[in-house]
Amino acid sequence: MHMFYGGGLGFFGMILPMLIWLFIIIGVIVLLVRWVGGKNKLSHNYHEAGGGESALEILKKRYAAGELTTEEYIARKEEIKGY
């Protein structure tokens, strides 16, 4: 009769295997969410690490396209150089 109750551990012996599987499933879900969410971070870090355009290059293109006035361009350029 004790075989039905987790080998003599009583109620805890029945619950323990379910808890272990629950933690495994939750762990896999957390890892999947972090992996999927990490893809966006990796592409963002790629641009920060020099793989993409710098802020100054983007600013120059926006100024050349006429999106910024000369005053805005100069102010933002000085702000970028401050970093």
C-alpha atoms as a PDB file:
ATOM      1  CA  MET A   1       0.000   0.000   0.000  1.00  0.00           C
ATOM      2  CA  HIS A   2       2.868   2.385   0.670  1.00  0.00           C
ATOM      3  CA  MET A   3       3.893   2.285  -3.034  1.00  0.00           C
ATOM      4  CA  PHE A   4       0.933   4.541  -3.868  1.00  0.00           C
ATOM      5  CA  TYR A   5       2.159   7.217  -1.474  1.00  0.00           C
ATOM      6  CA  GLY A   6       5.673   7.815  -2.812  1.00  0.00           C
ATOM      7  CA  GLY A   7       7.557   4.987  -1.155  1.00  0.00           C
ATOM      8  CA  GLY A   8       6.613   5.752   2.426  1.00  0.00           C
ATOM      9  CA  LEU A   9       6.892   9.534   2.327  1.00  0.00           C
ATOM     10  CA  GLY A  10       3.160  10.030   2.615  1.00  0.00           C
ATOM     11  CA  PHE A  11       1.472  12.997   0.998  1.00  0.00           C
ATOM     12  CA  PHE A  12       4.828  14.769   0.439  1.00  0.00           C
ATOM     13  CA  GLY A  13       5.998  11.766  -1.566  1.00  0.00           C
ATOM     14  CA  MET A  14       3.092  12.252  -3.971  1.00  0.00           C
ATOM     15  CA  ILE A  15       3.585  15.999  -4.317  1.00  0.00           C
ATOM     16  CA  LEU A  16       7.403  16.049  -4.655  1.00  0.00           C
ATOM     17  CA  PRO A  17       7.567  14.558  -8.190  1.00  0.00           C
ATOM     18  CA  MET A  18       4.852  16.961  -9.360  1.00  0.00           C
ATOM     19  CA  LEU A  19       6.738  19.920  -7.882  1.00  0.00           C
ATOM     20  CA  ILE A  20       9.960  18.841  -9.575  1.00  0.00           C
ATOM     21  CA  TRP A  21       8.224  18.644 -12.963  1.00  0.00           C
ATOM     22  CA  LEU A  22       6.522  21.987 -12.328  1.00  0.00           C
ATOM     23  CA  PHE A  23       9.891  23.646 -11.615  1.00  0.00           C
ATOM     24  CA  ILE A  24      11.399  22.076 -14.740  1.00  0.00           C
ATOM     25  CA  ILE A  25       8.533  23.335 -16.911  1.00  0.00           C
ATOM     26  CA  ILE A  26       8.704  26.833 -15.398  1.00  0.00           C
ATOM     27  CA  GLY A  27      12.467  26.862 -15.902  1.00  0.00           C
ATOM     28  CA  VAL A  28      12.133  25.925 -19.570  1.00  0.00           C
ATOM     29  CA  ILE A  29       9.507  28.651 -20.083  1.00  0.00           C
ATOM     30  CA  VAL A  30      11.747  31.252 -18.401  1.00  0.00           C
ATOM     31  CA  LEU A  31      14.714  30.228 -20.543  1.00  0.00           C
ATOM     32  CA  LEU A  32      12.630  30.424 -23.735  1.00  0.00           C
ATOM     33  CA  VAL A  33      11.316  33.879 -22.837  1.00  0.00           C
ATOM     34  CA  ARG A  34      14.819  35.133 -22.040  1.00  0.00           C
ATOM     35  CA  TRP A  35      16.192  33.626 -25.253  1.00  0.00           C
ATOM     36  CA  VAL A  36      13.484  35.202 -27.415  1.00  0.00           C
ATOM     37  CA  GLY A  37      13.750  38.514 -25.565  1.00  0.00           C
ATOM     38  CA  GLY A  38      17.537  38.384 -25.799  1.00  0.00           C
ATOM     39  CA  LYS A  39      17.456  38.470 -29.584  1.00  0.00           C
ATOM     40  CA  ASN A  40      16.227  42.064 -29.510  1.00  0.00           C
ATOM     41  CA  LYS A  41      18.908  43.005 -27.005  1.00  0.00           C
ATOM     42  CA  LEU A  42      21.622  41.454 -29.136  1.00  0.00           C
ATOM     43  CA  SER A  43      20.630  43.450 -32.191  1.00  0.00           C
ATOM     44  CA  HIS A  44      20.459  46.594 -30.043  1.00  0.00           C
ATOM     45  CA  ASN A  45      23.944  45.904 -28.615  1.00  0.00           C
ATOM     46  CA  TYR A  46      25.264  45.378 -32.129  1.00  0.00           C
ATOM     47  CA  HIS A  47      24.438  48.961 -33.021  1.00  0.00           C
ATOM     48  CA  GLU A  48      25.929  50.261 -29.781  1.00  0.00           C
ATOM     49  CA  ALA A  49      29.148  48.321 -30.354  1.00  0.00           C
ATOM     50  CA  GLY A  50      29.841  50.059 -33.644  1.00  0.00           C
ATOM     51  CA  GLY A  51      28.065  47.656 -35.940  1.00  0.00           C
ATOM     52  CA  GLY A  52      25.621  50.341 -37.025  1.00  0.00           C
ATOM     53  CA  GLU A  53      25.557  54.066 -37.553  1.00  0.00           C
ATOM     54  CA  SER A  54      26.794  56.371 -34.840  1.00  0.00           C
ATOM     55  CA  ALA A  55      24.575  59.090 -33.423  1.00  0.00           C
ATOM     56  CA  LEU A  56      26.643  61.720 -35.206  1.00  0.00           C
ATOM     57  CA  GLU A  57      26.236  59.970 -38.566  1.00  0.00           C
ATOM     58  CA  ILE A  58      22.473  59.797 -38.082  1.00  0.00           C
ATOM     59  CA  LEU A  59      22.428  63.472 -37.089  1.00  0.00           C
ATOM     60  CA  LYS A  60      24.378  64.434 -40.223  1.00  0.00           C
ATOM     61  CA  LYS A  61      21.960  62.492 -42.436  1.00  0.00           C
ATOM     62  CA  ARG A  62      18.933  64.127 -40.797  1.00  0.00           C
ATOM     63  CA  TYR A  63      20.491  67.575 -41.276  1.00  0.00           C
ATOM     64  CA  ALA A  64      21.309  66.789 -44.900  1.00  0.00           C
ATOM     65  CA  ALA A  65      17.737  65.616 -45.459  1.00  0.00           C
ATOM     66  CA  GLY A  66      16.442  68.925 -44.122  1.00  0.00           C
ATOM     67  CA  GLU A  67      14.824  67.466 -41.022  1.00  0.00           C
ATOM     68  CA  LEU A  68      16.810  69.789 -38.738  1.00  0.00           C
ATOM     69  CA  THR A  69      17.574  73.479 -38.805  1.00  0.00           C
ATOM     70  CA  THR A  70      21.177  74.655 -38.519  1.00  0.00           C
ATOM     71  CA  GLU A  71      20.614  75.681 -34.909  1.00  0.00           C
ATOM     72  CA  GLU A  72      19.122  72.290 -34.008  1.00  0.00           C
ATOM     73  CA  TYR A  73      21.990  70.518 -35.764  1.00  0.00           C
ATOM     74  CA  ILE A  74      24.658  72.503 -33.917  1.00  0.00           C
ATOM     75  CA  ALA A  75      22.938  72.089 -30.535  1.00  0.00           C
ATOM     76  CA  ARG A  76      22.505  68.343 -30.945  1.00  0.00           C
ATOM     77  CA  LYS A  77      26.026  67.924 -32.278  1.00  0.00           C
ATOM     78  CA  GLU A  78      27.441  69.645 -29.177  1.00  0.00           C
ATOM     79  CA  GLU A  79      25.260  67.468 -26.980  1.00  0.00           C
ATOM     80  CA  ILE A  80      26.530  64.301 -28.684  1.00  0.00           C
ATOM     81  CA  LYS A  81      30.163  65.422 -28.331  1.00  0.00           C
ATOM     82  CA  GLY A  82      29.543  65.888 -24.603  1.00  0.00           C
ATOM     83  CA  TYR A  83      29.110  62.116 -24.258  1.00  0.00           C
END
